[in-house]
Amino acid sequence: MTQAKPRFQTIEEYAALEPSELPEGQYELVNGEIIELPPESDPNVEIAGFLSSVLLQFVPHYLIRRGTEIFVSSRTVTSRYPDLVILSEEGRAAIKGARRSTITPEMPPPRLVIEVVSPGEPGSDNYNRDYVDKPREYAARGIPEYWIVDPERSVVLVLTLQDDRYQTKEFGNGDRLVSPTFPNLQLTAAQILEAGA
């Protein structure tokens, strides 16, 4: 007998779940239903780990999060699991002691969100999710900086929030990333991309 997946009428109903009631692995809440995502590729995991280690030079370990969920507002998706999140001190204080590592709408937005793109051509689900949907959702959530790391296209995009919309700068090869959140960062696009090679 197949068990029906629960549908959630509100984000509050979903947020009330205990961690033990959620599936293992990666998932997102889409149209009120928990949709399991395929596992991350190993190169993507390595890139996220590399960036985490680099950013330790600038922020304490407890502000760097992997596996933290962010509630967003869009037509269909209401939660995302970025590859890497950098919290503010206020954000950490708001999430500290919560049952789940979830950034809810009333909490301060993260300082930075990083997504490592899975392969996909323009128009594919993977491409649209990272290049179209997430920028719109993260901008609406007030996240000041969003990086798109795209190993397939050998590019890193740094999106900076200005007037509720992201302005995008593209970095490739030996280009040094320019990050408003981390102005002293000495890191090239190639160093990031080669971390998963």
N, C-alpha and C. Protein backbone atom coordinates (compact mmCIF):
# COMPACT_ATOMS: atom_id res chain seq x y z
N MET A 1 0.84 -1.18 0.00
CA MET A 1 0.00 0.00 0.00
C MET A 1 0.88 1.24 0.00
N THR A 2 0.63 2.17 -0.91
CA THR A 2 1.39 3.41 -1.00
C THR A 2 0.77 4.45 -0.08
N GLN A 3 1.65 5.13 0.66
CA GLN A 3 1.17 6.16 1.57
C GLN A 3 1.16 7.49 0.84
N ALA A 4 0.04 8.22 0.94
CA ALA A 4 -0.08 9.52 0.28
C ALA A 4 0.84 10.53 0.97
N LYS A 5 1.44 11.40 0.15
CA LYS A 5 2.26 12.47 0.71
C LYS A 5 1.36 13.52 1.32
N PRO A 6 1.74 14.04 2.49
CA PRO A 6 0.90 15.08 3.10
C PRO A 6 0.97 16.37 2.29
N ARG A 7 -0.13 17.09 2.26
CA ARG A 7 -0.16 18.42 1.64
C ARG A 7 -0.36 19.43 2.76
N PHE A 8 0.37 20.51 2.67
CA PHE A 8 0.30 21.55 3.70
C PHE A 8 -0.42 22.76 3.14
N GLN A 9 -1.43 23.21 3.87
CA GLN A 9 -2.21 24.36 3.42
C GLN A 9 -1.50 25.67 3.68
N THR A 10 -0.65 25.70 4.74
CA THR A 10 0.06 26.93 5.08
C THR A 10 1.51 26.60 5.41
N ILE A 11 2.36 27.60 5.32
CA ILE A 11 3.76 27.44 5.67
C ILE A 11 3.89 27.19 7.18
N GLU A 12 2.98 27.74 7.97
CA GLU A 12 3.00 27.54 9.42
C GLU A 12 2.76 26.07 9.77
N GLU A 13 1.87 25.42 9.04
CA GLU A 13 1.58 24.00 9.25
C GLU A 13 2.84 23.17 8.97
N TYR A 14 3.53 23.51 7.89
CA TYR A 14 4.77 22.81 7.54
C TYR A 14 5.85 23.11 8.58
N ALA A 15 5.96 24.37 8.99
CA ALA A 15 6.99 24.79 9.95
C ALA A 15 6.82 24.11 11.30
N ALA A 16 5.60 23.69 11.62
CA ALA A 16 5.34 23.06 12.91
C ALA A 16 5.83 21.61 12.98
N LEU A 17 6.25 21.04 11.85
CA LEU A 17 6.74 19.65 11.84
C LEU A 17 7.99 19.52 12.68
N GLU A 18 8.10 18.41 13.37
CA GLU A 18 9.33 18.07 14.08
C GLU A 18 10.36 17.59 13.05
N PRO A 19 11.65 17.77 13.32
CA PRO A 19 12.66 17.27 12.39
C PRO A 19 12.50 15.79 12.06
N SER A 20 12.05 14.99 13.01
CA SER A 20 11.88 13.55 12.78
C SER A 20 10.73 13.25 11.81
N GLU A 21 9.86 14.22 11.57
CA GLU A 21 8.73 14.03 10.66
C GLU A 21 9.08 14.39 9.21
N LEU A 22 10.27 14.90 9.00
CA LEU A 22 10.70 15.31 7.67
C LEU A 22 11.52 14.20 7.02
N PRO A 23 11.53 14.14 5.70
CA PRO A 23 12.31 13.10 5.03
C PRO A 23 13.81 13.36 5.18
N GLU A 24 14.59 12.30 5.06
CA GLU A 24 16.04 12.47 5.03
C GLU A 24 16.43 12.96 3.66
N GLY A 25 17.63 13.54 3.57
CA GLY A 25 18.10 14.03 2.28
C GLY A 25 17.61 15.42 1.98
N GLN A 26 17.69 15.79 0.70
CA GLN A 26 17.32 17.14 0.29
C GLN A 26 15.90 17.15 -0.25
N TYR A 27 15.19 18.22 0.04
CA TYR A 27 13.82 18.37 -0.43
C TYR A 27 13.47 19.85 -0.42
N GLU A 28 12.37 20.18 -1.06
CA GLU A 28 11.81 21.52 -1.02
C GLU A 28 10.31 21.39 -0.88
N LEU A 29 9.69 22.43 -0.38
CA LEU A 29 8.23 22.46 -0.28
C LEU A 29 7.70 23.17 -1.52
N VAL A 30 6.98 22.42 -2.36
CA VAL A 30 6.47 22.95 -3.63
C VAL A 30 4.96 22.71 -3.66
N ASN A 31 4.21 23.79 -3.86
CA ASN A 31 2.74 23.69 -3.90
C ASN A 31 2.19 22.90 -2.71
N GLY A 32 2.76 23.14 -1.53
CA GLY A 32 2.27 22.49 -0.33
C GLY A 32 2.70 21.05 -0.15
N GLU A 33 3.56 20.54 -1.04
CA GLU A 33 3.99 19.15 -0.98
C GLU A 33 5.51 19.07 -0.87
N ILE A 34 5.99 18.15 -0.04
CA ILE A 34 7.43 17.95 0.10
C ILE A 34 7.92 17.16 -1.12
N ILE A 35 8.82 17.76 -1.87
CA ILE A 35 9.38 17.13 -3.07
C ILE A 35 10.84 16.82 -2.81
N GLU A 36 11.20 15.54 -2.91
CA GLU A 36 12.58 15.14 -2.70
C GLU A 36 13.43 15.54 -3.90
N LEU A 37 14.63 16.03 -3.63
CA LEU A 37 15.56 16.43 -4.67
C LEU A 37 16.65 15.37 -4.80
N PRO A 38 17.24 15.26 -5.98
CA PRO A 38 18.34 14.29 -6.10
C PRO A 38 19.53 14.74 -5.27
N PRO A 39 20.38 13.80 -4.86
CA PRO A 39 21.56 14.17 -4.08
C PRO A 39 22.47 15.10 -4.88
N GLU A 40 23.20 15.94 -4.16
CA GLU A 40 24.18 16.83 -4.79
C GLU A 40 25.29 16.01 -5.42
N SER A 41 25.86 16.51 -6.50
CA SER A 41 27.02 15.85 -7.09
C SER A 41 28.22 16.10 -6.17
N ASP A 42 29.18 15.19 -6.21
CA ASP A 42 30.35 15.32 -5.35
C ASP A 42 31.14 16.60 -5.64
N PRO A 43 31.34 16.99 -6.91
CA PRO A 43 32.04 18.27 -7.15
C PRO A 43 31.32 19.47 -6.53
N ASN A 44 29.99 19.47 -6.56
CA ASN A 44 29.24 20.58 -5.95
C ASN A 44 29.46 20.62 -4.44
N VAL A 45 29.49 19.43 -3.81
CA VAL A 45 29.74 19.35 -2.37
C VAL A 45 31.14 19.86 -2.05
N GLU A 46 32.12 19.49 -2.88
CA GLU A 46 33.49 19.93 -2.66
C GLU A 46 33.62 21.45 -2.80
N ILE A 47 32.95 22.03 -3.77
CA ILE A 47 32.99 23.49 -3.95
C ILE A 47 32.39 24.19 -2.73
N ALA A 48 31.25 23.71 -2.26
CA ALA A 48 30.61 24.32 -1.08
C ALA A 48 31.52 24.19 0.15
N GLY A 49 32.17 23.05 0.30
CA GLY A 49 33.10 22.85 1.42
C GLY A 49 34.30 23.78 1.33
N PHE A 50 34.82 23.94 0.11
CA PHE A 50 35.96 24.85 -0.10
C PHE A 50 35.57 26.29 0.27
N LEU A 51 34.42 26.74 -0.21
CA LEU A 51 33.98 28.11 0.09
C LEU A 51 33.75 28.29 1.59
N SER A 52 33.22 27.27 2.23
CA SER A 52 33.03 27.34 3.68
C SER A 52 34.37 27.55 4.38
N SER A 53 35.40 26.81 3.95
CA SER A 53 36.72 26.94 4.59
C SER A 53 37.35 28.31 4.31
N VAL A 54 37.15 28.85 3.13
CA VAL A 54 37.69 30.17 2.79
C VAL A 54 37.01 31.26 3.62
N LEU A 55 35.69 31.16 3.74
CA LEU A 55 34.94 32.21 4.44
C LEU A 55 35.17 32.19 5.95
N LEU A 56 35.75 31.10 6.46
CA LEU A 56 36.12 31.07 7.88
C LEU A 56 37.15 32.14 8.24
N GLN A 57 37.85 32.67 7.24
CA GLN A 57 38.79 33.76 7.49
C GLN A 57 38.08 35.05 7.89
N PHE A 58 36.79 35.15 7.54
CA PHE A 58 36.07 36.41 7.69
C PHE A 58 34.93 36.36 8.70
N VAL A 59 34.39 35.17 8.93
CA VAL A 59 33.27 35.04 9.88
C VAL A 59 33.50 33.82 10.77
N PRO A 60 32.95 33.84 11.99
CA PRO A 60 33.09 32.66 12.85
C PRO A 60 32.30 31.48 12.29
N HIS A 61 32.73 30.29 12.65
CA HIS A 61 32.13 29.06 12.12
C HIS A 61 30.63 28.99 12.32
N TYR A 62 30.12 29.53 13.41
CA TYR A 62 28.70 29.38 13.72
C TYR A 62 27.79 30.24 12.82
N LEU A 63 28.38 31.13 12.02
CA LEU A 63 27.58 31.90 11.07
C LEU A 63 27.53 31.24 9.69
N ILE A 64 28.37 30.22 9.47
CA ILE A 64 28.41 29.52 8.19
C ILE A 64 27.53 28.28 8.30
N ARG A 65 26.55 28.20 7.44
CA ARG A 65 25.57 27.12 7.53
C ARG A 65 25.45 26.35 6.22
N ARG A 66 25.43 25.02 6.36
CA ARG A 66 25.08 24.13 5.26
C ARG A 66 23.90 23.31 5.76
N GLY A 67 22.89 23.13 4.93
CA GLY A 67 21.71 22.38 5.37
C GLY A 67 20.70 23.22 6.11
N THR A 68 20.79 24.53 5.99
CA THR A 68 19.80 25.42 6.61
C THR A 68 18.75 25.79 5.58
N GLU A 69 17.51 25.66 5.97
CA GLU A 69 16.37 25.93 5.10
C GLU A 69 15.99 27.41 5.19
N ILE A 70 15.57 27.98 4.06
CA ILE A 70 15.09 29.36 4.03
C ILE A 70 13.68 29.36 3.47
N PHE A 71 12.74 29.94 4.22
CA PHE A 71 11.40 30.11 3.68
C PHE A 71 11.43 31.28 2.71
N VAL A 72 10.87 31.06 1.53
CA VAL A 72 10.80 32.09 0.49
C VAL A 72 9.36 32.24 0.05
N SER A 73 9.12 33.26 -0.72
CA SER A 73 7.78 33.50 -1.23
C SER A 73 7.81 33.48 -2.74
N SER A 74 7.11 32.51 -3.33
CA SER A 74 7.00 32.47 -4.79
C SER A 74 5.67 31.81 -5.13
N ARG A 75 5.42 31.68 -6.42
CA ARG A 75 4.14 31.09 -6.84
C ARG A 75 3.98 29.67 -6.33
N THR A 76 5.07 28.90 -6.34
CA THR A 76 4.94 27.49 -5.99
C THR A 76 5.84 27.05 -4.85
N VAL A 77 7.10 27.49 -4.84
CA VAL A 77 8.06 27.01 -3.85
C VAL A 77 8.01 27.89 -2.61
N THR A 78 8.04 27.25 -1.45
CA THR A 78 8.03 28.04 -0.21
C THR A 78 9.23 27.77 0.67
N SER A 79 10.11 26.85 0.28
CA SER A 79 11.35 26.67 1.04
C SER A 79 12.48 26.24 0.11
N ARG A 80 13.68 26.68 0.45
CA ARG A 80 14.88 26.34 -0.31
C ARG A 80 15.96 25.89 0.66
N TYR A 81 16.88 25.07 0.15
CA TYR A 81 18.05 24.64 0.90
C TYR A 81 19.29 25.05 0.11
N PRO A 82 19.81 26.25 0.32
CA PRO A 82 21.01 26.68 -0.41
C PRO A 82 22.21 25.81 -0.04
N ASP A 83 23.21 25.80 -0.92
CA ASP A 83 24.42 25.04 -0.65
C ASP A 83 25.21 25.63 0.52
N LEU A 84 25.16 26.94 0.66
CA LEU A 84 25.89 27.60 1.74
C LEU A 84 25.16 28.89 2.10
N VAL A 85 25.07 29.15 3.41
CA VAL A 85 24.40 30.35 3.92
C VAL A 85 25.33 31.00 4.93
N ILE A 86 25.47 32.32 4.84
CA ILE A 86 26.20 33.09 5.85
C ILE A 86 25.18 33.93 6.60
N LEU A 87 25.02 33.63 7.88
CA LEU A 87 24.07 34.36 8.71
C LEU A 87 24.69 35.65 9.23
N SER A 88 23.85 36.57 9.64
CA SER A 88 24.28 37.71 10.44
C SER A 88 24.23 37.27 11.90
N GLU A 89 24.83 38.05 12.79
CA GLU A 89 24.74 37.75 14.22
C GLU A 89 23.28 37.77 14.67
N GLU A 90 22.50 38.72 14.13
CA GLU A 90 21.07 38.80 14.49
C GLU A 90 20.32 37.57 13.99
N GLY A 91 20.69 37.10 12.79
CA GLY A 91 20.07 35.90 12.25
C GLY A 91 20.38 34.68 13.09
N ARG A 92 21.62 34.58 13.53
CA ARG A 92 22.00 33.46 14.38
C ARG A 92 21.23 33.49 15.70
N ALA A 93 21.11 34.68 16.29
CA ALA A 93 20.37 34.80 17.54
C ALA A 93 18.91 34.39 17.36
N ALA A 94 18.34 34.72 16.19
CA ALA A 94 16.93 34.38 15.93
C ALA A 94 16.73 32.88 15.73
N ILE A 95 17.70 32.21 15.12
CA ILE A 95 17.57 30.78 14.82
C ILE A 95 18.05 29.89 15.97
N LYS A 96 18.86 30.46 16.86
CA LYS A 96 19.44 29.68 17.96
C LYS A 96 18.34 29.08 18.84
N GLY A 97 18.46 27.80 19.09
CA GLY A 97 17.50 27.12 19.94
C GLY A 97 16.26 26.63 19.22
N ALA A 98 16.14 26.93 17.92
CA ALA A 98 14.97 26.46 17.16
C ALA A 98 15.05 24.94 16.98
N ARG A 99 13.91 24.31 16.80
CA ARG A 99 13.87 22.86 16.60
C ARG A 99 14.50 22.46 15.28
N ARG A 100 14.38 23.32 14.28
CA ARG A 100 14.92 23.06 12.95
C ARG A 100 15.80 24.23 12.54
N SER A 101 16.79 23.95 11.72
CA SER A 101 17.65 25.00 11.19
C SER A 101 16.95 25.64 10.01
N THR A 102 15.98 26.51 10.33
CA THR A 102 15.13 27.12 9.32
C THR A 102 15.07 28.63 9.55
N ILE A 103 15.27 29.38 8.47
CA ILE A 103 15.16 30.83 8.53
C ILE A 103 13.74 31.17 8.09
N THR A 104 12.93 31.56 9.05
CA THR A 104 11.52 31.85 8.78
C THR A 104 11.36 33.31 8.35
N PRO A 105 10.19 33.68 7.81
CA PRO A 105 10.00 35.04 7.27
C PRO A 105 10.22 36.16 8.29
N GLU A 106 9.95 35.89 9.57
CA GLU A 106 10.12 36.97 10.55
C GLU A 106 11.55 37.14 11.02
N MET A 107 12.44 36.23 10.62
CA MET A 107 13.85 36.32 11.00
C MET A 107 14.62 37.20 10.02
N PRO A 108 15.74 37.78 10.48
CA PRO A 108 16.56 38.56 9.55
C PRO A 108 17.08 37.68 8.41
N PRO A 109 17.20 38.24 7.21
CA PRO A 109 17.72 37.44 6.10
C PRO A 109 19.21 37.15 6.28
N PRO A 110 19.70 36.10 5.65
CA PRO A 110 21.14 35.84 5.68
C PRO A 110 21.90 36.98 5.01
N ARG A 111 23.18 37.09 5.31
CA ARG A 111 24.03 38.09 4.65
C ARG A 111 24.36 37.65 3.22
N LEU A 112 24.53 36.34 3.04
CA LEU A 112 24.96 35.80 1.76
C LEU A 112 24.40 34.40 1.60
N VAL A 113 23.96 34.10 0.38
CA VAL A 113 23.52 32.75 0.01
C VAL A 113 24.33 32.34 -1.21
N ILE A 114 24.83 31.10 -1.20
CA ILE A 114 25.62 30.58 -2.33
C ILE A 114 24.94 29.31 -2.84
N GLU A 115 24.74 29.26 -4.15
CA GLU A 115 24.20 28.07 -4.81
C GLU A 115 25.22 27.58 -5.83
N VAL A 116 25.52 26.29 -5.80
CA VAL A 116 26.36 25.66 -6.81
C VAL A 116 25.40 24.98 -7.78
N VAL A 117 25.42 25.43 -9.03
CA VAL A 117 24.44 25.02 -10.03
C VAL A 117 24.67 23.58 -10.48
N SER A 118 23.58 22.84 -10.58
CA SER A 118 23.64 21.51 -11.20
C SER A 118 23.55 21.67 -12.71
N PRO A 119 24.08 20.71 -13.49
CA PRO A 119 24.06 20.84 -14.94
C PRO A 119 22.66 21.01 -15.49
N GLY A 120 22.56 21.81 -16.54
CA GLY A 120 21.28 22.02 -17.21
C GLY A 120 21.38 23.16 -18.21
N GLU A 121 20.74 22.98 -19.34
CA GLU A 121 20.70 24.01 -20.37
C GLU A 121 19.67 25.07 -20.02
N PRO A 122 19.81 26.29 -20.57
CA PRO A 122 18.78 27.30 -20.36
C PRO A 122 17.40 26.73 -20.74
N GLY A 123 16.45 26.97 -19.86
CA GLY A 123 15.11 26.43 -20.07
C GLY A 123 14.85 25.14 -19.30
N SER A 124 15.92 24.48 -18.85
CA SER A 124 15.74 23.25 -18.05
C SER A 124 15.36 23.62 -16.63
N ASP A 125 14.83 22.64 -15.89
CA ASP A 125 14.43 22.88 -14.50
C ASP A 125 15.61 23.36 -13.65
N ASN A 126 16.77 22.69 -13.77
CA ASN A 126 17.94 23.08 -12.98
C ASN A 126 18.35 24.52 -13.27
N TYR A 127 18.44 24.86 -14.54
CA TYR A 127 18.86 26.20 -14.94
C TYR A 127 17.86 27.24 -14.42
N ASN A 128 16.58 27.01 -14.70
CA ASN A 128 15.56 27.99 -14.29
C ASN A 128 15.51 28.16 -12.77
N ARG A 129 15.71 27.07 -12.05
CA ARG A 129 15.65 27.15 -10.58
C ARG A 129 16.73 28.10 -10.05
N ASP A 130 17.99 27.95 -10.54
CA ASP A 130 19.09 28.75 -9.99
C ASP A 130 19.24 30.13 -10.62
N TYR A 131 18.91 30.25 -11.91
CA TYR A 131 19.13 31.52 -12.62
C TYR A 131 17.89 32.41 -12.68
N VAL A 132 16.70 31.84 -12.53
CA VAL A 132 15.47 32.63 -12.67
C VAL A 132 14.70 32.69 -11.35
N ASP A 133 14.34 31.51 -10.83
CA ASP A 133 13.47 31.47 -9.65
C ASP A 133 14.17 31.95 -8.38
N LYS A 134 15.33 31.39 -8.08
CA LYS A 134 16.00 31.74 -6.81
C LYS A 134 16.39 33.21 -6.74
N PRO A 135 16.92 33.83 -7.81
CA PRO A 135 17.20 35.27 -7.68
C PRO A 135 15.95 36.08 -7.33
N ARG A 136 14.83 35.74 -7.93
CA ARG A 136 13.59 36.45 -7.63
C ARG A 136 13.18 36.21 -6.17
N GLU A 137 13.25 34.95 -5.72
CA GLU A 137 12.85 34.62 -4.35
C GLU A 137 13.79 35.23 -3.32
N TYR A 138 15.10 35.14 -3.57
CA TYR A 138 16.06 35.66 -2.60
C TYR A 138 16.02 37.20 -2.55
N ALA A 139 15.77 37.83 -3.68
CA ALA A 139 15.62 39.30 -3.67
C ALA A 139 14.39 39.69 -2.86
N ALA A 140 13.29 38.99 -3.06
CA ALA A 140 12.06 39.29 -2.30
C ALA A 140 12.27 39.05 -0.81
N ARG A 141 13.15 38.14 -0.47
CA ARG A 141 13.45 37.82 0.93
C ARG A 141 14.43 38.84 1.55
N GLY A 142 15.00 39.71 0.69
CA GLY A 142 15.90 40.75 1.18
C GLY A 142 17.32 40.30 1.44
N ILE A 143 17.74 39.22 0.78
CA ILE A 143 19.10 38.71 0.95
C ILE A 143 20.04 39.61 0.15
N PRO A 144 20.98 40.31 0.80
CA PRO A 144 21.76 41.33 0.11
C PRO A 144 22.73 40.81 -0.95
N GLU A 145 23.17 39.56 -0.82
CA GLU A 145 24.15 39.05 -1.79
C GLU A 145 23.89 37.57 -2.06
N TYR A 146 23.97 37.19 -3.33
CA TYR A 146 23.70 35.82 -3.77
C TYR A 146 24.75 35.45 -4.81
N TRP A 147 25.46 34.34 -4.59
CA TRP A 147 26.44 33.87 -5.57
C TRP A 147 25.88 32.66 -6.29
N ILE A 148 26.06 32.64 -7.59
CA ILE A 148 25.75 31.48 -8.41
C ILE A 148 27.08 30.94 -8.93
N VAL A 149 27.44 29.74 -8.49
CA VAL A 149 28.67 29.09 -8.93
C VAL A 149 28.27 28.05 -9.96
N ASP A 150 28.73 28.23 -11.20
CA ASP A 150 28.30 27.36 -12.29
C ASP A 150 29.51 26.65 -12.92
N PRO A 151 29.85 25.45 -12.42
CA PRO A 151 31.01 24.74 -12.96
C PRO A 151 30.88 24.39 -14.44
N GLU A 152 29.67 24.09 -14.89
CA GLU A 152 29.48 23.71 -16.29
C GLU A 152 29.83 24.85 -17.24
N ARG A 153 29.52 26.08 -16.85
CA ARG A 153 29.78 27.25 -17.69
C ARG A 153 31.06 27.98 -17.28
N SER A 154 31.77 27.46 -16.27
CA SER A 154 33.03 28.05 -15.77
C SER A 154 32.88 29.51 -15.40
N VAL A 155 31.85 29.79 -14.62
CA VAL A 155 31.57 31.17 -14.24
C VAL A 155 31.04 31.23 -12.81
N VAL A 156 31.35 32.34 -12.14
CA VAL A 156 30.76 32.65 -10.83
C VAL A 156 30.08 34.01 -10.98
N LEU A 157 28.81 34.07 -10.61
CA LEU A 157 28.07 35.33 -10.65
C LEU A 157 27.87 35.83 -9.22
N VAL A 158 28.12 37.11 -9.02
CA VAL A 158 27.84 37.74 -7.73
C VAL A 158 26.69 38.71 -7.95
N LEU A 159 25.57 38.41 -7.31
CA LEU A 159 24.37 39.23 -7.44
C LEU A 159 24.23 40.06 -6.17
N THR A 160 24.09 41.37 -6.34
CA THR A 160 24.00 42.30 -5.22
C THR A 160 22.64 42.99 -5.27
N LEU A 161 21.95 43.00 -4.14
CA LEU A 161 20.60 43.56 -4.08
C LEU A 161 20.66 45.09 -4.08
N GLN A 162 19.96 45.68 -5.05
CA GLN A 162 19.83 47.13 -5.14
C GLN A 162 18.39 47.44 -5.54
N ASP A 163 17.70 48.16 -4.68
CA ASP A 163 16.30 48.53 -4.94
C ASP A 163 15.44 47.31 -5.25
N ASP A 164 15.52 46.29 -4.42
CA ASP A 164 14.70 45.09 -4.51
C ASP A 164 14.98 44.21 -5.73
N ARG A 165 16.07 44.49 -6.44
CA ARG A 165 16.46 43.67 -7.60
C ARG A 165 17.95 43.43 -7.53
N TYR A 166 18.38 42.31 -8.07
CA TYR A 166 19.80 42.00 -8.08
C TYR A 166 20.50 42.60 -9.30
N GLN A 167 21.67 43.16 -9.04
CA GLN A 167 22.60 43.57 -10.09
C GLN A 167 23.66 42.48 -10.17
N THR A 168 23.98 42.03 -11.36
CA THR A 168 24.85 40.86 -11.54
C THR A 168 26.20 41.24 -12.12
N LYS A 169 27.25 40.68 -11.51
CA LYS A 169 28.60 40.79 -12.06
C LYS A 169 29.11 39.37 -12.29
N GLU A 170 29.71 39.16 -13.46
CA GLU A 170 30.19 37.83 -13.86
C GLU A 170 31.70 37.75 -13.73
N PHE A 171 32.18 36.62 -13.18
CA PHE A 171 33.61 36.40 -12.99
C PHE A 171 33.98 35.04 -13.56
N GLY A 172 35.06 35.02 -14.32
CA GLY A 172 35.54 33.76 -14.88
C GLY A 172 37.05 33.69 -14.79
N ASN A 173 37.58 32.50 -14.99
CA ASN A 173 39.03 32.26 -15.00
C ASN A 173 39.73 32.89 -13.81
N GLY A 174 40.70 33.78 -14.09
CA GLY A 174 41.50 34.40 -13.03
C GLY A 174 40.90 35.66 -12.46
N ASP A 175 39.65 35.99 -12.84
CA ASP A 175 39.01 37.19 -12.29
C ASP A 175 38.87 37.06 -10.77
N ARG A 176 39.26 38.11 -10.05
CA ARG A 176 39.09 38.14 -8.60
C ARG A 176 37.65 38.56 -8.29
N LEU A 177 36.97 37.76 -7.46
CA LEU A 177 35.60 38.07 -7.08
C LEU A 177 35.54 39.38 -6.33
N VAL A 178 34.53 40.17 -6.61
CA VAL A 178 34.27 41.39 -5.88
C VAL A 178 32.98 41.15 -5.10
N SER A 179 33.11 41.10 -3.77
CA SER A 179 31.97 40.82 -2.90
C SER A 179 31.76 41.97 -1.94
N PRO A 180 30.61 42.65 -2.00
CA PRO A 180 30.34 43.71 -1.03
C PRO A 180 30.33 43.19 0.42
N THR A 181 29.89 41.95 0.62
CA THR A 181 29.85 41.39 1.96
C THR A 181 31.25 41.11 2.49
N PHE A 182 32.16 40.69 1.60
CA PHE A 182 33.53 40.36 1.99
C PHE A 182 34.52 41.11 1.09
N PRO A 183 34.68 42.43 1.30
CA PRO A 183 35.51 43.23 0.41
C PRO A 183 36.99 42.84 0.41
N ASN A 184 37.46 42.18 1.47
CA ASN A 184 38.87 41.78 1.52
C ASN A 184 39.13 40.37 0.99
N LEU A 185 38.12 39.79 0.40
CA LEU A 185 38.24 38.44 -0.14
C LEU A 185 39.22 38.41 -1.30
N GLN A 186 40.21 37.54 -1.22
CA GLN A 186 41.20 37.37 -2.29
C GLN A 186 40.97 35.99 -2.91
N LEU A 187 40.02 35.91 -3.82
CA LEU A 187 39.61 34.62 -4.37
C LEU A 187 39.21 34.82 -5.83
N THR A 188 39.70 33.93 -6.68
CA THR A 188 39.35 34.01 -8.09
C THR A 188 38.27 33.00 -8.42
N ALA A 189 37.59 33.25 -9.53
CA ALA A 189 36.58 32.30 -10.01
C ALA A 189 37.22 30.94 -10.25
N ALA A 190 38.42 30.92 -10.82
CA ALA A 190 39.09 29.66 -11.12
C ALA A 190 39.36 28.86 -9.85
N GLN A 191 39.77 29.52 -8.77
CA GLN A 191 40.01 28.79 -7.51
C GLN A 191 38.74 28.11 -7.01
N ILE A 192 37.61 28.79 -7.14
CA ILE A 192 36.34 28.22 -6.71
C ILE A 192 35.97 27.03 -7.59
N LEU A 193 36.02 27.24 -8.89
CA LEU A 193 35.60 26.21 -9.84
C LEU A 193 36.50 24.98 -9.81
N GLU A 194 37.81 25.20 -9.61
CA GLU A 194 38.75 24.08 -9.56
C GLU A 194 38.64 23.27 -8.28
N ALA A 195 37.98 23.83 -7.26
CA ALA A 195 37.81 23.10 -5.99
C ALA A 195 36.97 21.85 -6.17
N GLY A 196 36.16 21.82 -7.22
CA GLY A 196 35.33 20.64 -7.46
C GLY A 196 35.84 19.75 -8.58
N ALA A 197 37.04 20.08 -9.09
CA ALA A 197 37.56 19.32 -10.24
C ALA A 197 38.17 18.00 -9.80
